[in-house]
């Protein structure tokens, strides 16, 4: 009976060791994949959300200013296009 327990104990130790080894290999593979993905993505020209929002706000402000200047220019051109009345 005791010899059966020793065989069983050895088998359990073997399986636990194999499971631990496989888990370690899996963790190493995942870490390597993450590192490669970060390296690949880091080489691309991505911007952070904060940078994107800042540029988006700048573009909206520039668009508003352009519209205001266009309206001012249209008004000045309309005023210049009217014939000047002669004083007399």
N, C-alpha and C. Protein backbone atom coordinates (compact mmCIF):
# COMPACT_ATOMS: atom_id res chain seq x y z
N UNK A 1 0.83 -1.19 0.00
CA UNK A 1 0.00 0.00 0.00
C UNK A 1 0.87 1.25 0.00
N UNK A 2 1.95 1.17 0.76
CA UNK A 2 2.83 2.32 0.84
C UNK A 2 3.54 2.58 -0.47
N UNK A 3 3.86 1.57 -1.22
CA UNK A 3 4.51 1.74 -2.51
C UNK A 3 3.57 2.42 -3.49
N UNK A 4 2.27 2.16 -3.40
CA UNK A 4 1.29 2.83 -4.25
C UNK A 4 1.24 4.32 -3.94
N UNK A 5 1.32 4.65 -2.67
CA UNK A 5 1.30 6.05 -2.27
C UNK A 5 2.54 6.78 -2.78
N UNK A 6 3.69 6.13 -2.73
CA UNK A 6 4.91 6.75 -3.21
C UNK A 6 4.81 7.01 -4.71
N UNK A 7 4.31 6.06 -5.44
CA UNK A 7 4.15 6.24 -6.89
C UNK A 7 3.16 7.38 -7.16
N UNK A 8 2.08 7.36 -6.42
CA UNK A 8 1.07 8.41 -6.59
C UNK A 8 1.66 9.77 -6.21
N UNK A 9 2.40 9.84 -5.12
CA UNK A 9 3.03 11.10 -4.69
C UNK A 9 4.02 11.60 -5.73
N UNK A 10 4.80 10.69 -6.28
CA UNK A 10 5.75 11.08 -7.33
C UNK A 10 5.03 11.59 -8.57
N UNK A 11 3.94 10.93 -8.92
CA UNK A 11 3.16 11.35 -10.08
C UNK A 11 2.57 12.74 -9.85
N UNK A 12 2.03 13.00 -8.67
CA UNK A 12 1.46 14.31 -8.33
C UNK A 12 2.54 15.38 -8.38
N UNK A 13 3.72 15.08 -7.84
CA UNK A 13 4.83 16.04 -7.89
C UNK A 13 5.22 16.34 -9.34
N UNK A 14 5.26 15.29 -10.16
CA UNK A 14 5.59 15.46 -11.57
C UNK A 14 4.56 16.36 -12.27
N UNK A 15 3.29 16.09 -12.05
CA UNK A 15 2.22 16.87 -12.68
C UNK A 15 2.25 18.32 -12.19
N UNK A 16 2.46 18.52 -10.91
CA UNK A 16 2.54 19.88 -10.37
C UNK A 16 3.73 20.63 -10.96
N UNK A 17 4.85 19.94 -11.06
CA UNK A 17 6.03 20.57 -11.66
C UNK A 17 5.79 20.93 -13.11
N UNK A 18 5.16 20.02 -13.84
CA UNK A 18 4.87 20.29 -15.25
C UNK A 18 3.90 21.46 -15.39
N UNK A 19 2.87 21.51 -14.54
CA UNK A 19 1.90 22.60 -14.59
C UNK A 19 2.58 23.93 -14.27
N UNK A 20 3.45 23.92 -13.28
CA UNK A 20 4.18 25.14 -12.94
C UNK A 20 5.08 25.60 -14.07
N UNK A 21 5.73 24.64 -14.70
CA UNK A 21 6.61 24.97 -15.83
C UNK A 21 5.80 25.55 -16.99
N UNK A 22 4.68 24.93 -17.30
CA UNK A 22 3.82 25.43 -18.38
C UNK A 22 3.28 26.82 -18.06
N UNK A 23 2.91 27.04 -16.81
CA UNK A 23 2.41 28.36 -16.42
C UNK A 23 3.52 29.40 -16.57
N UNK A 24 4.73 29.04 -16.19
CA UNK A 24 5.86 29.96 -16.33
C UNK A 24 6.15 30.27 -17.79
N UNK A 25 6.10 29.24 -18.63
CA UNK A 25 6.31 29.45 -20.06
C UNK A 25 5.22 30.36 -20.62
N UNK A 26 4.00 30.13 -20.19
CA UNK A 26 2.89 30.98 -20.64
C UNK A 26 3.08 32.43 -20.23
N UNK A 27 3.50 32.65 -18.99
CA UNK A 27 3.74 34.03 -18.52
C UNK A 27 4.87 34.68 -19.31
N UNK A 28 5.92 33.94 -19.57
CA UNK A 28 7.04 34.49 -20.34
C UNK A 28 6.62 34.82 -21.77
N UNK A 29 5.82 33.94 -22.36
CA UNK A 29 5.34 34.19 -23.73
C UNK A 29 4.44 35.43 -23.77
N UNK A 30 3.58 35.56 -22.77
CA UNK A 30 2.69 36.73 -22.71
C UNK A 30 3.49 38.01 -22.52
N UNK A 31 4.48 37.97 -21.64
CA UNK A 31 5.32 39.15 -21.41
C UNK A 31 6.09 39.52 -22.68
N UNK A 32 6.60 38.52 -23.37
CA UNK A 32 7.31 38.78 -24.62
C UNK A 32 6.40 39.36 -25.68
N UNK A 33 5.19 38.82 -25.78
CA UNK A 33 4.23 39.34 -26.77
C UNK A 33 3.86 40.78 -26.44
N UNK A 34 3.65 41.06 -25.16
CA UNK A 34 3.33 42.44 -24.76
C UNK A 34 4.47 43.39 -25.10
N UNK A 35 5.69 42.96 -24.84
CA UNK A 35 6.86 43.80 -25.13
C UNK A 35 6.97 44.07 -26.62
N UNK A 36 6.78 43.04 -27.43
CA UNK A 36 6.84 43.23 -28.89
C UNK A 36 5.72 44.14 -29.38
N UNK A 37 4.51 43.97 -28.81
CA UNK A 37 3.38 44.81 -29.20
C UNK A 37 3.64 46.27 -28.83
N UNK A 38 4.16 46.51 -27.62
CA UNK A 38 4.47 47.88 -27.20
C UNK A 38 5.53 48.50 -28.10
N UNK A 39 6.53 47.69 -28.46
CA UNK A 39 7.60 48.18 -29.33
C UNK A 39 7.04 48.53 -30.70
N UNK A 40 6.18 47.67 -31.23
CA UNK A 40 5.59 47.90 -32.55
C UNK A 40 4.67 49.12 -32.53
N UNK A 41 3.81 49.19 -31.51
CA UNK A 41 2.88 50.31 -31.41
C UNK A 41 3.64 51.60 -31.11
N UNK A 42 4.68 51.51 -30.31
CA UNK A 42 5.48 52.69 -29.99
C UNK A 42 6.14 53.29 -31.22
N UNK A 43 6.41 52.48 -32.21
CA UNK A 43 7.02 52.98 -33.44
C UNK A 43 6.04 53.70 -34.34
N UNK A 44 4.75 53.54 -34.08
CA UNK A 44 3.74 54.21 -34.89
C UNK A 44 3.53 55.62 -34.35
N UNK A 45 2.94 56.46 -35.16
CA UNK A 45 2.74 57.85 -34.78
C UNK A 45 1.39 58.07 -34.11
N UNK A 46 1.20 57.44 -32.97
CA UNK A 46 -0.01 57.65 -32.20
C UNK A 46 0.17 58.84 -31.27
N UNK A 47 -0.92 59.51 -30.95
CA UNK A 47 -0.89 60.60 -29.99
C UNK A 47 -1.76 60.22 -28.81
N UNK A 48 -1.50 60.86 -27.69
CA UNK A 48 -2.32 60.58 -26.52
C UNK A 48 -3.67 61.28 -26.66
N UNK A 49 -4.61 60.86 -25.87
CA UNK A 49 -5.95 61.46 -25.89
C UNK A 49 -5.87 62.94 -25.55
N UNK A 50 -5.04 63.29 -24.56
CA UNK A 50 -4.90 64.70 -24.17
C UNK A 50 -4.37 65.55 -25.32
N UNK A 51 -3.34 65.03 -26.01
CA UNK A 51 -2.80 65.77 -27.15
C UNK A 51 -3.85 65.93 -28.25
N UNK A 52 -4.60 64.87 -28.51
CA UNK A 52 -5.65 64.92 -29.53
C UNK A 52 -6.70 65.96 -29.17
N UNK A 53 -7.15 65.97 -27.93
CA UNK A 53 -8.17 66.92 -27.49
C UNK A 53 -7.65 68.36 -27.58
N UNK A 54 -6.37 68.57 -27.25
CA UNK A 54 -5.80 69.92 -27.33
C UNK A 54 -5.77 70.41 -28.77
N UNK A 55 -5.35 69.55 -29.69
CA UNK A 55 -5.29 69.95 -31.10
C UNK A 55 -6.70 70.14 -31.65
N UNK A 56 -7.63 69.32 -31.21
CA UNK A 56 -9.02 69.46 -31.64
C UNK A 56 -9.59 70.81 -31.20
N UNK A 57 -9.29 71.22 -29.97
CA UNK A 57 -9.75 72.51 -29.47
C UNK A 57 -9.10 73.66 -30.24
N UNK A 58 -7.81 73.51 -30.55
CA UNK A 58 -7.13 74.54 -31.33
C UNK A 58 -7.74 74.66 -32.72
N UNK A 59 -8.09 73.56 -33.34
CA UNK A 59 -8.69 73.58 -34.67
C UNK A 59 -10.07 74.24 -34.62
N UNK A 60 -10.85 73.95 -33.59
CA UNK A 60 -12.17 74.57 -33.45
C UNK A 60 -12.03 76.07 -33.25
N UNK A 61 -11.07 76.50 -32.45
CA UNK A 61 -10.86 77.94 -32.23
C UNK A 61 -10.42 78.62 -33.52
N UNK A 62 -9.55 77.97 -34.28
CA UNK A 62 -9.09 78.54 -35.55
C UNK A 62 -10.24 78.63 -36.54
N UNK A 63 -11.10 77.62 -36.55
CA UNK A 63 -12.26 77.64 -37.44
C UNK A 63 -13.20 78.79 -37.07
N UNK A 64 -13.45 78.99 -35.78
CA UNK A 64 -14.31 80.10 -35.33
C UNK A 64 -13.71 81.44 -35.72
N UNK A 65 -12.40 81.59 -35.52
CA UNK A 65 -11.73 82.84 -35.87
C UNK A 65 -11.80 83.09 -37.38
N UNK A 66 -11.63 82.04 -38.16
CA UNK A 66 -11.71 82.17 -39.63
C UNK A 66 -13.10 82.62 -40.05
N UNK A 67 -14.14 82.05 -39.44
CA UNK A 67 -15.50 82.44 -39.78
C UNK A 67 -15.76 83.91 -39.41
N UNK A 68 -15.24 84.34 -38.26
CA UNK A 68 -15.42 85.73 -37.85
C UNK A 68 -14.69 86.66 -38.81
N UNK A 69 -13.47 86.30 -39.18
CA UNK A 69 -12.71 87.13 -40.12
C UNK A 69 -13.37 87.16 -41.50
N UNK A 70 -13.94 86.05 -41.93
CA UNK A 70 -14.62 85.99 -43.21
C UNK A 70 -15.84 86.92 -43.20
N UNK A 71 -16.59 86.91 -42.10
CA UNK A 71 -17.76 87.79 -41.98
C UNK A 71 -17.31 89.26 -41.99
N UNK A 72 -16.23 89.57 -41.30
CA UNK A 72 -15.71 90.94 -41.27
C UNK A 72 -15.25 91.38 -42.67
N UNK A 73 -14.56 90.48 -43.37
CA UNK A 73 -14.09 90.79 -44.72
C UNK A 73 -15.27 90.99 -45.67
N UNK A 74 -16.29 90.14 -45.56
CA UNK A 74 -17.47 90.30 -46.41
C UNK A 74 -18.13 91.65 -46.16
N UNK A 75 -18.20 92.07 -44.90
CA UNK A 75 -18.80 93.36 -44.57
C UNK A 75 -17.97 94.51 -45.15
N UNK A 76 -16.65 94.42 -45.03
CA UNK A 76 -15.78 95.46 -45.58
C UNK A 76 -15.86 95.52 -47.10
N UNK A 77 -15.92 94.35 -47.74
CA UNK A 77 -16.04 94.33 -49.20
C UNK A 77 -17.38 94.89 -49.65
N UNK A 78 -18.43 94.61 -48.91
CA UNK A 78 -19.74 95.15 -49.25
C UNK A 78 -19.75 96.67 -49.10
N UNK A 79 -19.10 97.15 -48.04
CA UNK A 79 -19.04 98.59 -47.82
C UNK A 79 -18.22 99.27 -48.92
N UNK A 80 -17.13 98.65 -49.33
CA UNK A 80 -16.27 99.21 -50.37
C UNK A 80 -16.95 99.17 -51.73
N UNK A 81 -17.84 98.21 -51.93
CA UNK A 81 -18.50 98.06 -53.24
C UNK A 81 -19.59 99.11 -53.44
N UNK A 82 -20.13 99.69 -52.38
CA UNK A 82 -21.17 100.72 -52.52
C UNK A 82 -20.50 101.98 -53.06
N UNK A 83 -21.17 102.63 -54.04
CA UNK A 83 -20.58 103.87 -54.55
C UNK A 83 -20.59 104.94 -53.48
N UNK A 84 -19.50 105.65 -53.39
CA UNK A 84 -19.38 106.72 -52.41
C UNK A 84 -20.22 107.91 -52.87
N UNK A 85 -21.01 108.48 -51.96
CA UNK A 85 -21.82 109.67 -52.27
C UNK A 85 -20.92 110.89 -52.27
N UNK A 86 -21.14 111.73 -53.24
CA UNK A 86 -20.36 112.95 -53.32
C UNK A 86 -20.95 114.02 -52.42
N UNK A 87 -20.08 114.73 -51.75
CA UNK A 87 -20.55 115.80 -50.87
C UNK A 87 -20.82 117.04 -51.71
N UNK A 88 -21.89 117.71 -51.48
CA UNK A 88 -22.04 118.88 -52.27
C UNK A 88 -23.23 119.56 -52.12
